[in-house]
């Protein structure tokens, strides 16, 4: 399943990714944001279970914003998994 999420409250504008039939994350790509940080998050997420990545990243804060690029990825994963359960 291909997913796209418009980010809110972060420097990155959107995140795209795929979740395969086994629930594994692939091709995480942030648009905008801090290039090193978003590339690092994307690399660490590659090939890992989507639910596990969301659990690890959920609630990460950036400079008191109440969210971050990793948190937005977690939110996007949660939304994608919830919609696939329907």
PDB file of N, CA and C in Angstrom:
ATOM      1  N   UNK A   1       0.853  -1.162   0.000  1.00  0.00           N
ATOM      2  CA  UNK A   1       0.000   0.000   0.000  1.00  0.00           C
ATOM      3  C   UNK A   1       0.906   1.234   0.000  1.00  0.00           C
ATOM      4  N   UNK A   2       0.667   2.138  -0.930  1.00  0.00           N
ATOM      5  CA  UNK A   2       1.393   3.400  -0.995  1.00  0.00           C
ATOM      6  C   UNK A   2       0.656   4.434  -0.167  1.00  0.00           C
ATOM      7  N   UNK A   3       1.414   5.204   0.619  1.00  0.00           N
ATOM      8  CA  UNK A   3       0.811   6.160   1.535  1.00  0.00           C
ATOM      9  C   UNK A   3       1.469   7.523   1.381  1.00  0.00           C
ATOM     10  N   UNK A   4       0.659   8.556   1.574  1.00  0.00           N
ATOM     11  CA  UNK A   4       1.142   9.932   1.562  1.00  0.00           C
ATOM     12  C   UNK A   4       0.461  10.682   2.698  1.00  0.00           C
ATOM     13  N   UNK A   5       1.254  11.447   3.430  1.00  0.00           N
ATOM     14  CA  UNK A   5       0.731  12.204   4.564  1.00  0.00           C
ATOM     15  C   UNK A   5       1.243  13.632   4.473  1.00  0.00           C
ATOM     16  N   UNK A   6       0.343  14.602   4.570  1.00  0.00           N
ATOM     17  CA  UNK A   6       0.717  16.011   4.645  1.00  0.00           C
ATOM     18  C   UNK A   6       1.054  16.305   6.099  1.00  0.00           C
ATOM     19  N   UNK A   7       2.290  16.731   6.337  1.00  0.00           N
ATOM     20  CA  UNK A   7       2.738  16.979   7.706  1.00  0.00           C
ATOM     21  C   UNK A   7       2.216  18.305   8.233  1.00  0.00           C
ATOM     22  N   UNK A   8       2.055  18.364   9.539  1.00  0.00           N
ATOM     23  CA  UNK A   8       1.581  19.569  10.222  1.00  0.00           C
ATOM     24  C   UNK A   8       2.540  19.901  11.355  1.00  0.00           C
ATOM     25  N   UNK A   9       2.949  21.164  11.443  1.00  0.00           N
ATOM     26  CA  UNK A   9       3.791  21.611  12.540  1.00  0.00           C
ATOM     27  C   UNK A   9       5.260  21.279  12.402  1.00  0.00           C
ATOM     28  N   UNK A  10       5.694  20.912  11.207  1.00  0.00           N
ATOM     29  CA  UNK A  10       7.096  20.556  10.992  1.00  0.00           C
ATOM     30  C   UNK A  10       7.655  21.287   9.780  1.00  0.00           C
ATOM     31  N   UNK A  11       8.978  21.253   9.663  1.00  0.00           N
ATOM     32  CA  UNK A  11       9.630  21.842   8.488  1.00  0.00           C
ATOM     33  C   UNK A  11       9.366  21.006   7.236  1.00  0.00           C
ATOM     34  N   UNK A  12       9.260  19.700   7.406  1.00  0.00           N
ATOM     35  CA  UNK A  12       8.951  18.853   6.243  1.00  0.00           C
ATOM     36  C   UNK A  12       7.475  19.015   5.888  1.00  0.00           C
ATOM     37  N   UNK A  13       7.216  18.996   4.604  1.00  0.00           N
ATOM     38  CA  UNK A  13       5.844  19.231   4.129  1.00  0.00           C
ATOM     39  C   UNK A  13       5.022  17.955   4.029  1.00  0.00           C
ATOM     40  N   UNK A  14       5.683  16.860   3.686  1.00  0.00           N
ATOM     41  CA  UNK A  14       4.952  15.602   3.536  1.00  0.00           C
ATOM     42  C   UNK A  14       5.909  14.439   3.709  1.00  0.00           C
ATOM     43  N   UNK A  15       5.325  13.266   3.944  1.00  0.00           N
ATOM     44  CA  UNK A  15       6.090  12.027   3.991  1.00  0.00           C
ATOM     45  C   UNK A  15       5.323  10.984   3.177  1.00  0.00           C
ATOM     46  N   UNK A  16       6.059  10.252   2.368  1.00  0.00           N
ATOM     47  CA  UNK A  16       5.475   9.152   1.607  1.00  0.00           C
ATOM     48  C   UNK A  16       6.197   7.866   1.988  1.00  0.00           C
ATOM     49  N   UNK A  17       5.507   6.754   1.848  1.00  0.00           N
ATOM     50  CA  UNK A  17       6.088   5.458   2.179  1.00  0.00           C
ATOM     51  C   UNK A  17       5.179   4.362   1.654  1.00  0.00           C
ATOM     52  N   UNK A  18       5.682   3.140   1.724  1.00  0.00           N
ATOM     53  CA  UNK A  18       4.887   1.964   1.364  1.00  0.00           C
ATOM     54  C   UNK A  18       4.899   0.991   2.529  1.00  0.00           C
ATOM     55  N   UNK A  19       3.792   0.300   2.697  1.00  0.00           N
ATOM     56  CA  UNK A  19       3.697  -0.798   3.659  1.00  0.00           C
ATOM     57  C   UNK A  19       3.313  -2.025   2.861  1.00  0.00           C
ATOM     58  N   UNK A  20       4.169  -3.061   2.928  1.00  0.00           N
ATOM     59  CA  UNK A  20       3.881  -4.262   2.148  1.00  0.00           C
ATOM     60  C   UNK A  20       2.857  -5.148   2.856  1.00  0.00           C
ATOM     61  N   UNK A  21       2.519  -6.257   2.237  1.00  0.00           N
ATOM     62  CA  UNK A  21       1.464  -7.142   2.752  1.00  0.00           C
ATOM     63  C   UNK A  21       1.790  -7.716   4.130  1.00  0.00           C
ATOM     64  N   UNK A  22       3.084  -7.769   4.469  1.00  0.00           N
ATOM     65  CA  UNK A  22       3.498  -8.281   5.781  1.00  0.00           C
ATOM     66  C   UNK A  22       3.605  -7.173   6.825  1.00  0.00           C
ATOM     67  N   UNK A  23       3.273  -5.927   6.440  1.00  0.00           N
ATOM     68  CA  UNK A  23       3.323  -4.811   7.379  1.00  0.00           C
ATOM     69  C   UNK A  23       4.695  -4.187   7.530  1.00  0.00           C
ATOM     70  N   UNK A  24       5.550  -4.385   6.524  1.00  0.00           N
ATOM     71  CA  UNK A  24       6.915  -3.869   6.561  1.00  0.00           C
ATOM     72  C   UNK A  24       6.996  -2.551   5.797  1.00  0.00           C
ATOM     73  N   UNK A  25       7.732  -1.579   6.358  1.00  0.00           N
ATOM     74  CA  UNK A  25       7.893  -0.254   5.750  1.00  0.00           C
ATOM     75  C   UNK A  25       8.967  -0.263   4.662  1.00  0.00           C
ATOM     76  N   UNK A  26       8.690   0.473   3.596  1.00  0.00           N
ATOM     77  CA  UNK A  26       9.649   0.637   2.501  1.00  0.00           C
ATOM     78  C   UNK A  26       9.535   2.043   1.929  1.00  0.00           C
ATOM     79  N   UNK A  27      10.619   2.512   1.364  1.00  0.00           N
ATOM     80  CA  UNK A  27      10.652   3.756   0.580  1.00  0.00           C
ATOM     81  C   UNK A  27      10.122   4.971   1.319  1.00  0.00           C
ATOM     82  N   UNK A  28      10.511   5.124   2.582  1.00  0.00           N
ATOM     83  CA  UNK A  28      10.115   6.314   3.349  1.00  0.00           C
ATOM     84  C   UNK A  28      10.859   7.512   2.772  1.00  0.00           C
ATOM     85  N   UNK A  29      10.123   8.569   2.471  1.00  0.00           N
ATOM     86  CA  UNK A  29      10.722   9.756   1.871  1.00  0.00           C
ATOM     87  C   UNK A  29      10.019  11.005   2.397  1.00  0.00           C
ATOM     88  N   UNK A  30      10.806  11.883   3.019  1.00  0.00           N
ATOM     89  CA  UNK A  30      10.278  13.158   3.497  1.00  0.00           C
ATOM     90  C   UNK A  30      10.525  14.216   2.437  1.00  0.00           C
ATOM     91  N   UNK A  31       9.578  15.127   2.278  1.00  0.00           N
ATOM     92  CA  UNK A  31       9.738  16.284   1.407  1.00  0.00           C
ATOM     93  C   UNK A  31      10.009  17.489   2.301  1.00  0.00           C
ATOM     94  N   UNK A  32      11.199  18.041   2.207  1.00  0.00           N
ATOM     95  CA  UNK A  32      11.597  19.141   3.066  1.00  0.00           C
ATOM     96  C   UNK A  32      12.126  18.630   4.389  1.00  0.00           C
ATOM     97  N   UNK A  33      12.293  19.543   5.324  1.00  0.00           N
ATOM     98  CA  UNK A  33      12.828  19.182   6.624  1.00  0.00           C
ATOM     99  C   UNK A  33      14.341  19.195   6.627  1.00  0.00           C
ATOM    100  N   UNK A  34      14.941  18.792   7.720  1.00  0.00           N
ATOM    101  CA  UNK A  34      16.399  18.730   7.853  1.00  0.00           C
ATOM    102  C   UNK A  34      16.897  17.498   7.121  1.00  0.00           C
ATOM    103  N   UNK A  35      17.627  17.678   6.022  1.00  0.00           N
ATOM    104  CA  UNK A  35      17.980  16.549   5.164  1.00  0.00           C
ATOM    105  C   UNK A  35      18.656  15.383   5.884  1.00  0.00           C
ATOM    106  N   UNK A  36      19.611  15.653   6.740  1.00  0.00           N
ATOM    107  CA  UNK A  36      20.301  14.562   7.432  1.00  0.00           C
ATOM    108  C   UNK A  36      19.391  13.809   8.372  1.00  0.00           C
ATOM    109  N   UNK A  37      18.573  14.534   9.108  1.00  0.00           N
ATOM    110  CA  UNK A  37      17.679  13.889  10.074  1.00  0.00           C
ATOM    111  C   UNK A  37      16.600  13.072   9.382  1.00  0.00           C
ATOM    112  N   UNK A  38      15.965  13.654   8.365  1.00  0.00           N
ATOM    113  CA  UNK A  38      14.886  12.910   7.708  1.00  0.00           C
ATOM    114  C   UNK A  38      15.437  11.716   6.932  1.00  0.00           C
ATOM    115  N   UNK A  39      16.621  11.866   6.334  1.00  0.00           N
ATOM    116  CA  UNK A  39      17.239  10.722   5.640  1.00  0.00           C
ATOM    117  C   UNK A  39      17.601   9.631   6.641  1.00  0.00           C
ATOM    118  N   UNK A  40      18.081  10.036   7.812  1.00  0.00           N
ATOM    119  CA  UNK A  40      18.418   9.056   8.840  1.00  0.00           C
ATOM    120  C   UNK A  40      17.202   8.302   9.334  1.00  0.00           C
ATOM    121  N   UNK A  41      16.126   9.010   9.597  1.00  0.00           N
ATOM    122  CA  UNK A  41      14.885   8.364  10.032  1.00  0.00           C
ATOM    123  C   UNK A  41      14.398   7.404   8.957  1.00  0.00           C
ATOM    124  N   UNK A  42      14.415   7.853   7.704  1.00  0.00           N
ATOM    125  CA  UNK A  42      13.954   7.008   6.599  1.00  0.00           C
ATOM    126  C   UNK A  42      14.804   5.739   6.489  1.00  0.00           C
ATOM    127  N   UNK A  43      16.114   5.872   6.630  1.00  0.00           N
ATOM    128  CA  UNK A  43      17.006   4.716   6.536  1.00  0.00           C
ATOM    129  C   UNK A  43      16.764   3.743   7.683  1.00  0.00           C
ATOM    130  N   UNK A  44      16.595   4.271   8.884  1.00  0.00           N
ATOM    131  CA  UNK A  44      16.347   3.404  10.040  1.00  0.00           C
ATOM    132  C   UNK A  44      15.002   2.692   9.958  1.00  0.00           C
ATOM    133  N   UNK A  45      14.018   3.319   9.322  1.00  0.00           N
ATOM    134  CA  UNK A  45      12.681   2.729   9.213  1.00  0.00           C
ATOM    135  C   UNK A  45      12.608   1.648   8.139  1.00  0.00           C
ATOM    136  N   UNK A  46      13.463   1.718   7.136  1.00  0.00           N
ATOM    137  CA  UNK A  46      13.412   0.799   5.991  1.00  0.00           C
ATOM    138  C   UNK A  46      13.503  -0.660   6.430  1.00  0.00           C
ATOM    139  N   UNK A  47      12.526  -1.441   5.981  1.00  0.00           N
ATOM    140  CA  UNK A  47      12.539  -2.877   6.229  1.00  0.00           C
ATOM    141  C   UNK A  47      12.068  -3.302   7.607  1.00  0.00           C
ATOM    142  N   UNK A  48      11.589  -2.370   8.391  1.00  0.00           N
ATOM    143  CA  UNK A  48      11.134  -2.694   9.746  1.00  0.00           C
ATOM    144  C   UNK A  48       9.601  -2.744   9.791  1.00  0.00           C
ATOM    145  N   UNK A  49       9.057  -3.460  10.763  1.00  0.00           N
ATOM    146  CA  UNK A  49       7.594  -3.498  10.898  1.00  0.00           C
ATOM    147  C   UNK A  49       7.033  -2.094  11.135  1.00  0.00           C
ATOM    148  N   UNK A  50       6.026  -1.732  10.370  1.00  0.00           N
ATOM    149  CA  UNK A  50       5.443  -0.399  10.447  1.00  0.00           C
ATOM    150  C   UNK A  50       4.956  -0.076  11.852  1.00  0.00           C
ATOM    151  N   UNK A  51       4.267  -1.005  12.494  1.00  0.00           N
ATOM    152  CA  UNK A  51       3.735  -0.740  13.837  1.00  0.00           C
ATOM    153  C   UNK A  51       4.859  -0.490  14.831  1.00  0.00           C
ATOM    154  N   UNK A  52       5.981  -1.186  14.691  1.00  0.00           N
ATOM    155  CA  UNK A  52       7.116  -0.999  15.603  1.00  0.00           C
ATOM    156  C   UNK A  52       7.754   0.371  15.403  1.00  0.00           C
ATOM    157  N   UNK A  53       7.891   0.801  14.153  1.00  0.00           N
ATOM    158  CA  UNK A  53       8.445   2.122  13.862  1.00  0.00           C
ATOM    159  C   UNK A  53       7.540   3.205  14.444  1.00  0.00           C
ATOM    160  N   UNK A  54       6.238   3.074  14.257  1.00  0.00           N
ATOM    161  CA  UNK A  54       5.300   4.059  14.789  1.00  0.00           C
ATOM    162  C   UNK A  54       5.397   4.132  16.313  1.00  0.00           C
ATOM    163  N   UNK A  55       5.507   3.002  16.963  1.00  0.00           N
ATOM    164  CA  UNK A  55       5.619   2.965  18.424  1.00  0.00           C
ATOM    165  C   UNK A  55       6.879   3.682  18.893  1.00  0.00           C
ATOM    166  N   UNK A  56       7.988   3.455  18.211  1.00  0.00           N
ATOM    167  CA  UNK A  56       9.252   4.084  18.592  1.00  0.00           C
ATOM    168  C   UNK A  56       9.254   5.599  18.387  1.00  0.00           C
ATOM    169  N   UNK A  57       8.632   6.059  17.306  1.00  0.00           N
ATOM    170  CA  UNK A  57       8.718   7.467  16.936  1.00  0.00           C
ATOM    171  C   UNK A  57       7.603   8.340  17.494  1.00  0.00           C
ATOM    172  N   UNK A  58       6.488   7.721  17.842  1.00  0.00           N
ATOM    173  CA  UNK A  58       5.318   8.479  18.313  1.00  0.00           C
ATOM    174  C   UNK A  58       5.677   9.344  19.509  1.00  0.00           C
ATOM    175  N   UNK A  59       5.300  10.622  19.439  1.00  0.00           N
ATOM    176  CA  UNK A  59       5.509  11.542  20.549  1.00  0.00           C
ATOM    177  C   UNK A  59       6.845  12.271  20.545  1.00  0.00           C
ATOM    178  N   UNK A  60       7.705  11.993  19.570  1.00  0.00           N
ATOM    179  CA  UNK A  60       8.980  12.710  19.476  1.00  0.00           C
ATOM    180  C   UNK A  60       8.700  14.187  19.221  1.00  0.00           C
ATOM    181  N   UNK A  61       9.318  15.045  20.020  1.00  0.00           N
ATOM    182  CA  UNK A  61       9.071  16.481  19.913  1.00  0.00           C
ATOM    183  C   UNK A  61      10.290  17.188  19.313  1.00  0.00           C
ATOM    184  N   UNK A  62      10.040  18.217  18.537  1.00  0.00           N
ATOM    185  CA  UNK A  62      11.100  19.052  17.963  1.00  0.00           C
ATOM    186  C   UNK A  62      10.922  20.482  18.437  1.00  0.00           C
ATOM    187  N   UNK A  63      11.833  20.924  19.290  1.00  0.00           N
ATOM    188  CA  UNK A  63      11.869  22.317  19.735  1.00  0.00           C
ATOM    189  C   UNK A  63      10.548  22.823  20.325  1.00  0.00           C
ATOM    190  N   UNK A  64       9.869  21.982  21.085  1.00  0.00           N
ATOM    191  CA  UNK A  64       8.645  22.395  21.766  1.00  0.00           C
ATOM    192  C   UNK A  64       7.436  22.560  20.864  1.00  0.00           C
ATOM    193  N   UNK A  65       7.496  22.002  19.660  1.00  0.00           N
ATOM    194  CA  UNK A  65       6.382  22.137  18.715  1.00  0.00           C
ATOM    195  C   UNK A  65       5.234  21.176  19.014  1.00  0.00           C
ATOM    196  N   UNK A  66       5.503  20.184  19.836  1.00  0.00           N
ATOM    197  CA  UNK A  66       4.484  19.181  20.111  1.00  0.00           C
ATOM    198  C   UNK A  66       4.447  18.079  19.069  1.00  0.00           C
ATOM    199  N   UNK A  67       5.315  18.150  18.090  1.00  0.00           N
ATOM    200  CA  UNK A  67       5.431  17.131  17.047  1.00  0.00           C
ATOM    201  C   UNK A  67       6.819  17.253  16.432  1.00  0.00           C
ATOM    202  N   UNK A  68       7.096  16.421  15.456  1.00  0.00           N
ATOM    203  CA  UNK A  68       8.377  16.418  14.757  1.00  0.00           C
ATOM    204  C   UNK A  68       8.201  15.609  13.469  1.00  0.00           C
ATOM    205  N   UNK A  69       9.217  15.603  12.650  1.00  0.00           N
ATOM    206  CA  UNK A  69       9.144  14.774  11.438  1.00  0.00           C
ATOM    207  C   UNK A  69       8.968  13.290  11.801  1.00  0.00           C
ATOM    208  N   UNK A  70       9.739  12.750  12.766  1.00  0.00           N
ATOM    209  CA  UNK A  70       9.504  11.361  13.158  1.00  0.00           C
ATOM    210  C   UNK A  70       8.096  11.126  13.705  1.00  0.00           C
ATOM    211  N   UNK A  71       7.584  12.067  14.495  1.00  0.00           N
ATOM    212  CA  UNK A  71       6.229  11.945  15.032  1.00  0.00           C
ATOM    213  C   UNK A  71       5.206  11.970  13.905  1.00  0.00           C
ATOM    214  N   UNK A  72       5.415  12.809  12.908  1.00  0.00           N
ATOM    215  CA  UNK A  72       4.490  12.860  11.777  1.00  0.00           C
ATOM    216  C   UNK A  72       4.505  11.542  11.003  1.00  0.00           C
ATOM    217  N   UNK A  73       5.679  10.911  10.890  1.00  0.00           N
ATOM    218  CA  UNK A  73       5.743   9.584  10.265  1.00  0.00           C
ATOM    219  C   UNK A  73       4.928   8.592  11.079  1.00  0.00           C
ATOM    220  N   UNK A  74       5.057   8.632  12.400  1.00  0.00           N
ATOM    221  CA  UNK A  74       4.283   7.725  13.256  1.00  0.00           C
ATOM    222  C   UNK A  74       2.786   7.942  13.069  1.00  0.00           C
ATOM    223  N   UNK A  75       2.368   9.195  13.023  1.00  0.00           N
ATOM    224  CA  UNK A  75       0.952   9.510  12.811  1.00  0.00           C
ATOM    225  C   UNK A  75       0.495   8.972  11.462  1.00  0.00           C
ATOM    226  N   UNK A  76       1.317   9.163  10.433  1.00  0.00           N
ATOM    227  CA  UNK A  76       0.975   8.688   9.093  1.00  0.00           C
ATOM    228  C   UNK A  76       0.856   7.167   9.057  1.00  0.00           C
ATOM    229  N   UNK A  77       1.773   6.484   9.718  1.00  0.00           N
ATOM    230  CA  UNK A  77       1.727   5.014   9.776  1.00  0.00           C
ATOM    231  C   UNK A  77       0.454   4.572  10.495  1.00  0.00           C
ATOM    232  N   UNK A  78       0.160   5.195  11.625  1.00  0.00           N
ATOM    233  CA  UNK A  78      -1.057   4.842  12.385  1.00  0.00           C
ATOM    234  C   UNK A  78      -2.293   5.006  11.507  1.00  0.00           C
ATOM    235  N   UNK A  79      -2.370   6.120  10.779  1.00  0.00           N
ATOM    236  CA  UNK A  79      -3.517   6.364   9.899  1.00  0.00           C
ATOM    237  C   UNK A  79      -3.599   5.319   8.786  1.00  0.00           C
ATOM    238  N   UNK A  80      -2.448   4.987   8.207  1.00  0.00           N
ATOM    239  CA  UNK A  80      -2.421   3.995   7.124  1.00  0.00           C
ATOM    240  C   UNK A  80      -2.846   2.615   7.633  1.00  0.00           C
ATOM    241  N   UNK A  81      -2.330   2.223   8.775  1.00  0.00           N
ATOM    242  CA  UNK A  81      -2.699   0.918   9.332  1.00  0.00           C
ATOM    243  C   UNK A  81      -4.170   0.872   9.721  1.00  0.00           C
ATOM    244  N   UNK A  82      -4.674   1.959  10.267  1.00  0.00           N
ATOM    245  CA  UNK A  82      -6.099   2.022  10.644  1.00  0.00           C
ATOM    246  C   UNK A  82      -6.985   1.925   9.410  1.00  0.00           C
ATOM    247  N   UNK A  83      -6.601   2.582   8.330  1.00  0.00           N
ATOM    248  CA  UNK A  83      -7.425   2.549   7.116  1.00  0.00           C
ATOM    249  C   UNK A  83      -7.351   1.184   6.438  1.00  0.00           C
ATOM    250  N   UNK A  84      -6.257   0.471   6.612  1.00  0.00           N
ATOM    251  CA  UNK A  84      -6.150  -0.853   5.990  1.00  0.00           C
ATOM    252  C   UNK A  84      -6.943  -1.899   6.751  1.00  0.00           C
ATOM    253  N   UNK A  85      -7.279  -1.606   8.018  1.00  0.00           N
ATOM    254  CA  UNK A  85      -8.082  -2.528   8.836  1.00  0.00           C
ATOM    255  C   UNK A  85      -9.559  -2.463   8.493  1.00  0.00           C
ATOM    256  N   UNK A  86      -9.961  -1.423   7.775  1.00  0.00           N
ATOM    257  CA  UNK A  86     -11.391  -1.229   7.473  1.00  0.00           C
ATOM    258  C   UNK A  86     -11.817  -2.067   6.306  1.00  0.00           C
TER     259      UNK A  86
END
